[in-house]
Amino acid sequence: MSQTEVERIKKKVDEMYENYGIDPTGMDEEDLSRVYKYYFGKKEELESDYEQSKKHTGLFDEDEMI
């Protein structure tokens, strides 16, 4: 897998988290690494999950959560 492809997957995962109102920069690197690794082998699932997450953009406000 090329470095460009790795970065593209990481960016899409980060955007997916943001769509759910979660700031990925505040997450533990180990937790994110697990998610990235999961999607490295499941690119079609990443696309599907990403599209689903876009439906939730703006619905969650991290400041209003517990």
Protein backbone atom coordinates (compact mmCIF):
# COMPACT_ATOMS: atom_id res chain seq x y z
CA MET A 1 0.00 0.00 0.00
CA SER A 2 1.42 3.36 -0.97
CA GLN A 3 1.95 6.17 1.51
CA THR A 4 -0.59 8.27 -0.41
CA GLU A 5 -3.22 5.56 -0.03
CA VAL A 6 -2.49 5.23 3.69
CA GLU A 7 -2.89 8.98 4.16
CA ARG A 8 -6.13 8.96 2.16
CA ILE A 9 -7.60 6.23 4.37
CA LYS A 10 -6.51 8.00 7.56
CA LYS A 11 -8.04 11.27 6.34
CA LYS A 12 -11.33 9.57 5.50
CA VAL A 13 -11.46 7.86 8.92
CA ASP A 14 -10.76 11.19 10.62
CA GLU A 15 -13.52 12.87 8.59
CA MET A 16 -15.88 10.05 9.50
CA TYR A 17 -15.24 10.68 13.21
CA GLU A 18 -15.77 14.41 12.68
CA ASN A 19 -19.10 13.71 10.96
CA TYR A 20 -20.21 12.09 14.22
CA GLY A 21 -19.02 15.10 16.21
CA ILE A 22 -15.84 13.45 17.51
CA ASP A 23 -12.52 15.27 17.31
CA PRO A 24 -10.02 12.60 16.24
CA THR A 25 -7.08 14.78 17.32
CA GLY A 26 -8.19 14.32 20.93
CA MET A 27 -8.21 10.54 20.69
CA ASP A 28 -5.57 8.11 21.83
CA GLU A 29 -3.23 7.27 18.94
CA GLU A 30 -3.45 3.56 19.74
CA ASP A 31 -7.25 3.62 19.40
CA LEU A 32 -7.06 5.39 16.07
CA SER A 33 -4.35 3.02 14.84
CA ARG A 34 -6.71 0.10 15.39
CA VAL A 35 -9.40 1.79 13.33
CA TYR A 36 -6.96 2.70 10.55
CA LYS A 37 -5.64 -0.86 10.39
CA TYR A 38 -9.16 -2.23 10.28
CA TYR A 39 -10.02 -0.15 7.23
CA PHE A 40 -6.72 -0.77 5.41
CA GLY A 41 -8.09 -4.18 4.51
CA LYS A 42 -11.70 -3.12 4.06
CA LYS A 43 -11.74 -0.20 1.66
CA GLU A 44 -15.26 -0.90 0.40
CA GLU A 45 -16.55 -0.95 3.96
CA LEU A 46 -14.75 2.33 4.62
CA GLU A 47 -16.53 3.94 1.67
CA SER A 48 -19.89 2.65 2.88
CA ASP A 49 -19.30 3.73 6.50
CA TYR A 50 -18.04 7.12 5.36
CA GLU A 51 -21.15 7.70 3.25
CA GLN A 52 -23.32 6.71 6.23
CA SER A 53 -21.43 9.12 8.50
CA LYS A 54 -22.10 12.04 6.15
CA LYS A 55 -25.80 11.75 7.02
CA HIS A 56 -24.88 12.71 10.59
CA THR A 57 -22.79 15.79 9.78
CA GLY A 58 -23.80 18.66 12.03
CA LEU A 59 -26.19 16.58 14.14
CA PHE A 60 -23.76 16.16 17.01
CA ASP A 61 -22.09 18.95 18.92
CA GLU A 62 -19.18 17.74 21.06
CA ASP A 63 -19.66 20.67 23.46
CA GLU A 64 -23.23 19.55 24.20
CA MET A 65 -22.29 15.94 24.87
CA ILE A 66 -21.64 14.53 28.32
